[in-house]
Each structure stands twice: as C-alpha cells, then as structure tokens.
Amino acid sequence: DKHRFDRGQHPSSWLRKLDANMGKMFKIYLCGDKIYSCSTCRTHLAKHDQIVSKAFQGRHGRAFLFSNVVNITLGLKEDRNLITGLHTVADVYCNCCQSILGWKYVRVCPSSAPP
C-alpha cells in the first residue's frame, strides 16, 4: 500500500505502544535519525527510508509517497480525478489530532492505467 503525505519532519529515537484493546489510543514511536511526523501534533508517521518518491505535488505544496506509515486513520474510499488520471483514494488522518495528512491510493482506475 502506498501513502502520500505533505512533508513534516521530527527526529526521535524511541518506540512505545499503547494498548488499543483497552480503549487507549494505539500510538507507535519510531526509532531513527529522520522521522516524518504530523505537522500539527508531531505524532510519528514514517521513517525516512520508507519514502518511495518525492516527485509529487499536493494541494499545499511538495508531497511524498511512502511505502508504510503508522498512527493513521483512513477515511472513506472515493474516486478522484488527479493529475495522473482517475484514482480511488482514501483520505489519511492523524490518529492523535485527526488532522488530514494526505491520501492513500486504493486503486488506479482502468482508464488511468498505462497501456
């Protein structure tokens, strides 16, 4: 699964999980020198080595495509006409503050796929 997010960076080096089964927020803290985080609340989202591409332009500027992210919630799936054609996407929200972070590609519509 691929995720696209606007840039936000915060270095840190610890790992902690809260128990989701007990009604507490499940939050993961990533280890590493370069950690991308929510620009609103600094919740960890992805490690630098999980960047697939930096060649994206979002609504609010430069955007990145990640191979894996944590501490997110997905919105409803919907078809959107993006620069590269029609895609089924789901908005991605921060688990902690519910800020919209970007979107997740769910599938490329057949008419947008290369021949």
N, C-alpha and C. Protein backbone atom coordinates (compact mmCIF):
# COMPACT_ATOMS: atom_id res chain seq x y z
N ASP A 1 0.84 -1.19 0.00
CA ASP A 1 0.00 0.00 0.00
C ASP A 1 0.88 1.24 0.00
N LYS A 2 0.48 2.23 -0.77
CA LYS A 2 1.25 3.46 -0.89
C LYS A 2 0.47 4.61 -0.26
N HIS A 3 1.17 5.47 0.45
CA HIS A 3 0.57 6.61 1.12
C HIS A 3 1.29 7.86 0.66
N ARG A 4 0.57 8.96 0.50
CA ARG A 4 1.15 10.23 0.10
C ARG A 4 0.89 11.24 1.19
N PHE A 5 1.95 11.94 1.63
CA PHE A 5 1.80 12.92 2.69
C PHE A 5 2.57 14.18 2.39
N ASP A 6 2.04 15.31 2.88
CA ASP A 6 2.80 16.54 2.83
C ASP A 6 3.94 16.41 3.83
N ARG A 7 5.01 17.14 3.60
CA ARG A 7 6.24 16.98 4.37
C ARG A 7 6.09 17.51 5.79
N GLY A 8 6.62 16.77 6.75
CA GLY A 8 6.72 17.16 8.15
C GLY A 8 7.76 16.27 8.77
N GLN A 9 8.77 16.83 9.43
CA GLN A 9 9.89 16.01 9.88
C GLN A 9 10.21 16.32 11.33
N HIS A 10 10.49 15.27 12.11
CA HIS A 10 10.85 15.43 13.51
C HIS A 10 11.72 14.25 13.94
N PRO A 11 13.00 14.46 14.24
CA PRO A 11 13.86 13.34 14.63
C PRO A 11 13.55 12.85 16.04
N SER A 12 13.65 11.55 16.25
CA SER A 12 13.45 10.97 17.56
C SER A 12 14.00 9.56 17.59
N SER A 13 14.04 8.93 18.77
CA SER A 13 14.64 7.59 18.84
C SER A 13 14.06 6.74 19.97
N TRP A 14 12.76 6.52 19.98
CA TRP A 14 12.19 5.61 20.94
C TRP A 14 10.99 4.89 20.35
N LEU A 15 10.60 3.81 20.97
CA LEU A 15 9.46 3.02 20.48
C LEU A 15 8.56 2.71 21.67
N ARG A 16 7.28 3.02 21.53
CA ARG A 16 6.32 2.74 22.58
C ARG A 16 4.97 2.49 21.97
N LYS A 17 4.23 1.56 22.51
CA LYS A 17 2.88 1.27 22.03
C LYS A 17 1.92 1.34 23.20
N LEU A 18 0.74 1.88 22.95
CA LEU A 18 -0.32 1.88 23.95
C LEU A 18 -1.34 0.82 23.57
N ASP A 19 -1.98 0.21 24.52
CA ASP A 19 -2.90 -0.90 24.28
C ASP A 19 -4.20 -0.41 23.66
N ALA A 20 -4.44 -0.79 22.41
CA ALA A 20 -5.66 -0.39 21.69
C ALA A 20 -6.88 -1.15 22.21
N ASN A 21 -6.71 -2.32 22.78
CA ASN A 21 -7.83 -3.13 23.25
C ASN A 21 -8.44 -2.60 24.54
N MET A 22 -7.76 -1.73 25.23
CA MET A 22 -8.25 -1.20 26.49
C MET A 22 -8.86 0.19 26.32
N GLY A 23 -9.14 0.61 25.10
CA GLY A 23 -9.77 1.91 24.85
C GLY A 23 -8.77 3.05 24.80
N LYS A 24 -7.49 2.75 24.90
CA LYS A 24 -6.47 3.78 24.80
C LYS A 24 -6.04 3.91 23.35
N MET A 25 -5.53 5.07 23.00
CA MET A 25 -5.03 5.27 21.64
C MET A 25 -3.79 4.40 21.43
N PHE A 26 -3.75 3.70 20.31
CA PHE A 26 -2.60 2.90 19.92
C PHE A 26 -1.65 3.83 19.18
N LYS A 27 -0.51 4.13 19.77
CA LYS A 27 0.42 5.08 19.19
C LYS A 27 1.81 4.45 19.14
N ILE A 28 2.45 4.53 17.99
CA ILE A 28 3.78 3.96 17.79
C ILE A 28 4.78 5.10 17.68
N TYR A 29 5.89 4.97 18.40
CA TYR A 29 7.00 5.91 18.30
C TYR A 29 8.11 5.20 17.54
N LEU A 30 8.58 5.82 16.47
CA LEU A 30 9.58 5.22 15.60
C LEU A 30 11.00 5.59 16.04
N CYS A 31 11.95 4.73 15.72
CA CYS A 31 13.36 4.96 16.01
C CYS A 31 14.07 5.38 14.73
N GLY A 32 15.04 6.25 14.85
CA GLY A 32 15.83 6.64 13.69
C GLY A 32 16.20 8.10 13.72
N ASP A 33 17.09 8.47 12.80
CA ASP A 33 17.56 9.85 12.72
C ASP A 33 16.55 10.78 12.06
N LYS A 34 15.86 10.27 11.04
CA LYS A 34 14.88 11.09 10.33
C LYS A 34 13.52 10.42 10.40
N ILE A 35 12.62 11.05 11.14
CA ILE A 35 11.26 10.56 11.31
C ILE A 35 10.31 11.64 10.79
N TYR A 36 9.39 11.26 9.92
CA TYR A 36 8.37 12.18 9.44
C TYR A 36 7.18 12.13 10.37
N SER A 37 6.64 13.30 10.70
CA SER A 37 5.58 13.37 11.70
C SER A 37 4.49 14.34 11.28
N CYS A 38 3.38 14.28 11.99
CA CYS A 38 2.27 15.20 11.77
C CYS A 38 2.74 16.62 12.07
N SER A 39 2.47 17.55 11.17
CA SER A 39 2.92 18.93 11.38
C SER A 39 2.12 19.64 12.47
N THR A 40 0.97 19.09 12.86
CA THR A 40 0.15 19.71 13.89
C THR A 40 0.54 19.24 15.29
N CYS A 41 0.66 17.92 15.49
CA CYS A 41 0.90 17.39 16.85
C CYS A 41 2.20 16.60 16.99
N ARG A 42 2.94 16.44 15.90
CA ARG A 42 4.24 15.75 15.90
C ARG A 42 4.16 14.24 16.15
N THR A 43 3.00 13.64 15.97
CA THR A 43 2.88 12.19 16.08
C THR A 43 3.68 11.56 14.94
N HIS A 44 4.46 10.54 15.25
CA HIS A 44 5.30 9.87 14.25
C HIS A 44 4.45 9.20 13.18
N LEU A 45 4.92 9.29 11.92
CA LEU A 45 4.20 8.70 10.79
C LEU A 45 5.04 7.71 10.01
N ALA A 46 6.28 8.05 9.70
CA ALA A 46 7.11 7.17 8.86
C ALA A 46 8.59 7.49 9.04
N LYS A 47 9.41 6.50 8.72
CA LYS A 47 10.85 6.66 8.73
C LYS A 47 11.31 7.13 7.35
N HIS A 48 12.44 7.80 7.31
CA HIS A 48 12.97 8.34 6.06
C HIS A 48 13.16 7.27 4.99
N ASP A 49 13.59 6.08 5.39
CA ASP A 49 13.85 5.02 4.40
C ASP A 49 12.56 4.41 3.82
N GLN A 50 11.40 4.88 4.27
CA GLN A 50 10.12 4.41 3.73
C GLN A 50 9.59 5.32 2.62
N ILE A 51 10.38 6.32 2.23
CA ILE A 51 9.99 7.19 1.12
C ILE A 51 10.19 6.43 -0.19
N VAL A 52 9.14 6.38 -1.00
CA VAL A 52 9.20 5.75 -2.32
C VAL A 52 9.51 6.82 -3.36
N SER A 53 8.90 8.01 -3.22
CA SER A 53 9.10 9.07 -4.19
C SER A 53 8.84 10.43 -3.55
N LYS A 54 9.61 11.42 -4.00
CA LYS A 54 9.41 12.82 -3.59
C LYS A 54 8.87 13.64 -4.76
N ALA A 55 8.52 12.97 -5.85
CA ALA A 55 8.10 13.64 -7.08
C ALA A 55 6.59 13.83 -7.14
N PHE A 56 6.00 14.32 -6.07
CA PHE A 56 4.56 14.56 -6.03
C PHE A 56 4.29 16.00 -5.66
N GLN A 57 3.18 16.51 -6.14
CA GLN A 57 2.73 17.85 -5.79
C GLN A 57 1.35 17.72 -5.16
N GLY A 58 1.23 18.14 -3.92
CA GLY A 58 -0.05 18.09 -3.22
C GLY A 58 -0.77 19.42 -3.33
N ARG A 59 -1.94 19.50 -2.74
CA ARG A 59 -2.73 20.73 -2.73
C ARG A 59 -1.98 21.89 -2.10
N HIS A 60 -1.15 21.57 -1.10
CA HIS A 60 -0.47 22.60 -0.32
C HIS A 60 1.04 22.59 -0.52
N GLY A 61 1.50 22.04 -1.63
CA GLY A 61 2.94 22.04 -1.90
C GLY A 61 3.49 20.65 -2.12
N ARG A 62 4.78 20.52 -1.88
CA ARG A 62 5.50 19.27 -2.10
C ARG A 62 4.90 18.14 -1.27
N ALA A 63 4.87 16.95 -1.88
CA ALA A 63 4.30 15.79 -1.20
C ALA A 63 5.18 14.57 -1.45
N PHE A 64 5.13 13.60 -0.52
CA PHE A 64 5.94 12.39 -0.60
C PHE A 64 5.04 11.17 -0.69
N LEU A 65 5.54 10.12 -1.34
CA LEU A 65 4.88 8.83 -1.39
C LEU A 65 5.66 7.89 -0.48
N PHE A 66 4.99 7.30 0.51
CA PHE A 66 5.62 6.39 1.46
C PHE A 66 5.15 4.96 1.23
N SER A 67 6.01 4.00 1.53
CA SER A 67 5.65 2.59 1.41
C SER A 67 4.88 2.11 2.64
N ASN A 68 5.09 2.74 3.78
CA ASN A 68 4.44 2.32 5.02
C ASN A 68 4.36 3.50 5.97
N VAL A 69 3.24 3.62 6.68
CA VAL A 69 3.08 4.67 7.68
C VAL A 69 2.37 4.09 8.90
N VAL A 70 2.49 4.78 10.03
CA VAL A 70 1.85 4.36 11.28
C VAL A 70 1.05 5.53 11.85
N ASN A 71 0.24 5.24 12.83
CA ASN A 71 -0.53 6.25 13.56
C ASN A 71 -1.49 7.04 12.67
N ILE A 72 -2.17 6.32 11.77
CA ILE A 72 -3.11 6.97 10.87
C ILE A 72 -4.47 6.30 10.92
N THR A 73 -5.47 7.02 10.46
CA THR A 73 -6.83 6.51 10.26
C THR A 73 -7.22 6.83 8.83
N LEU A 74 -7.87 5.89 8.17
CA LEU A 74 -8.31 6.10 6.78
C LEU A 74 -9.75 6.58 6.73
N GLY A 75 -10.02 7.50 5.81
CA GLY A 75 -11.38 7.96 5.55
C GLY A 75 -12.05 7.03 4.55
N LEU A 76 -13.18 7.46 4.05
CA LEU A 76 -13.93 6.67 3.07
C LEU A 76 -13.23 6.67 1.71
N LYS A 77 -13.38 5.57 0.99
CA LYS A 77 -12.83 5.47 -0.36
C LYS A 77 -13.68 6.31 -1.30
N GLU A 78 -13.00 6.99 -2.24
CA GLU A 78 -13.73 7.77 -3.24
C GLU A 78 -12.88 7.90 -4.50
N ASP A 79 -13.53 8.07 -5.64
CA ASP A 79 -12.83 8.29 -6.89
C ASP A 79 -12.49 9.77 -6.99
N ARG A 80 -11.21 10.05 -7.33
CA ARG A 80 -10.77 11.43 -7.52
C ARG A 80 -10.01 11.54 -8.82
N ASN A 81 -10.23 12.64 -9.50
CA ASN A 81 -9.51 12.92 -10.73
C ASN A 81 -8.24 13.68 -10.35
N LEU A 82 -7.10 12.99 -10.34
CA LEU A 82 -5.82 13.59 -10.02
C LEU A 82 -5.08 13.92 -11.31
N ILE A 83 -3.92 14.54 -11.20
CA ILE A 83 -3.13 14.91 -12.38
C ILE A 83 -2.86 13.70 -13.26
N THR A 84 -2.64 12.54 -12.64
CA THR A 84 -2.31 11.32 -13.38
C THR A 84 -3.54 10.53 -13.82
N GLY A 85 -4.73 11.07 -13.62
CA GLY A 85 -5.95 10.40 -14.04
C GLY A 85 -6.86 10.08 -12.87
N LEU A 86 -7.83 9.25 -13.12
CA LEU A 86 -8.82 8.88 -12.12
C LEU A 86 -8.27 7.78 -11.21
N HIS A 87 -8.35 7.99 -9.90
CA HIS A 87 -7.86 7.02 -8.92
C HIS A 87 -8.88 6.88 -7.80
N THR A 88 -8.94 5.70 -7.21
CA THR A 88 -9.72 5.52 -5.98
C THR A 88 -8.76 5.75 -4.82
N VAL A 89 -9.10 6.71 -3.97
CA VAL A 89 -8.23 7.10 -2.86
C VAL A 89 -9.05 7.17 -1.57
N ALA A 90 -8.34 7.20 -0.45
CA ALA A 90 -8.97 7.42 0.85
C ALA A 90 -8.14 8.47 1.57
N ASP A 91 -8.78 9.47 2.14
CA ASP A 91 -8.05 10.47 2.91
C ASP A 91 -7.39 9.79 4.11
N VAL A 92 -6.26 10.33 4.53
CA VAL A 92 -5.50 9.80 5.65
C VAL A 92 -5.46 10.87 6.74
N TYR A 93 -5.80 10.47 7.97
CA TYR A 93 -5.86 11.38 9.11
C TYR A 93 -4.89 10.94 10.20
N CYS A 94 -4.36 11.89 10.95
CA CYS A 94 -3.52 11.60 12.10
C CYS A 94 -4.38 10.97 13.20
N ASN A 95 -3.92 9.85 13.77
CA ASN A 95 -4.65 9.20 14.86
C ASN A 95 -4.79 10.08 16.10
N CYS A 96 -3.82 10.94 16.31
CA CYS A 96 -3.78 11.72 17.55
C CYS A 96 -4.65 12.98 17.47
N CYS A 97 -4.47 13.80 16.42
CA CYS A 97 -5.19 15.09 16.36
C CYS A 97 -6.23 15.15 15.24
N GLN A 98 -6.35 14.10 14.44
CA GLN A 98 -7.31 13.99 13.33
C GLN A 98 -7.08 15.00 12.21
N SER A 99 -5.90 15.59 12.14
CA SER A 99 -5.57 16.47 11.01
C SER A 99 -5.48 15.63 9.74
N ILE A 100 -5.91 16.20 8.63
CA ILE A 100 -5.78 15.48 7.37
C ILE A 100 -4.31 15.57 6.93
N LEU A 101 -3.75 14.42 6.60
CA LEU A 101 -2.33 14.33 6.23
C LEU A 101 -2.13 14.21 4.73
N GLY A 102 -3.08 13.63 4.06
CA GLY A 102 -2.95 13.39 2.63
C GLY A 102 -3.94 12.34 2.21
N TRP A 103 -3.52 11.45 1.30
CA TRP A 103 -4.42 10.39 0.87
C TRP A 103 -3.64 9.12 0.62
N LYS A 104 -4.37 8.01 0.55
CA LYS A 104 -3.81 6.70 0.24
C LYS A 104 -4.40 6.26 -1.10
N TYR A 105 -3.53 5.78 -1.99
CA TYR A 105 -4.02 5.20 -3.23
C TYR A 105 -4.63 3.84 -2.91
N VAL A 106 -5.92 3.67 -3.22
CA VAL A 106 -6.59 2.39 -3.02
C VAL A 106 -6.48 1.57 -4.30
N ARG A 107 -6.75 2.22 -5.44
CA ARG A 107 -6.55 1.55 -6.72
C ARG A 107 -6.53 2.59 -7.83
N VAL A 108 -5.86 2.23 -8.92
CA VAL A 108 -5.84 3.05 -10.12
C VAL A 108 -6.99 2.57 -11.00
N CYS A 109 -7.84 3.49 -11.40
CA CYS A 109 -8.96 3.12 -12.27
C CYS A 109 -8.43 2.67 -13.63
N PRO A 110 -9.06 1.66 -14.24
CA PRO A 110 -8.56 1.09 -15.51
C PRO A 110 -8.28 2.13 -16.60
N SER A 111 -9.09 3.16 -16.69
CA SER A 111 -8.89 4.16 -17.73
C SER A 111 -7.63 5.00 -17.50
N SER A 112 -7.07 4.98 -16.27
CA SER A 112 -5.88 5.74 -15.95
C SER A 112 -4.60 4.92 -16.03
N ALA A 113 -4.74 3.60 -16.11
CA ALA A 113 -3.58 2.72 -16.15
C ALA A 113 -2.86 2.87 -17.48
N PRO A 114 -1.52 2.83 -17.44
CA PRO A 114 -0.78 2.91 -18.70
C PRO A 114 -1.04 1.69 -19.58
N PRO A 115 -0.94 1.83 -20.91
CA PRO A 115 -1.24 0.71 -21.82
C PRO A 115 -0.24 -0.44 -21.68
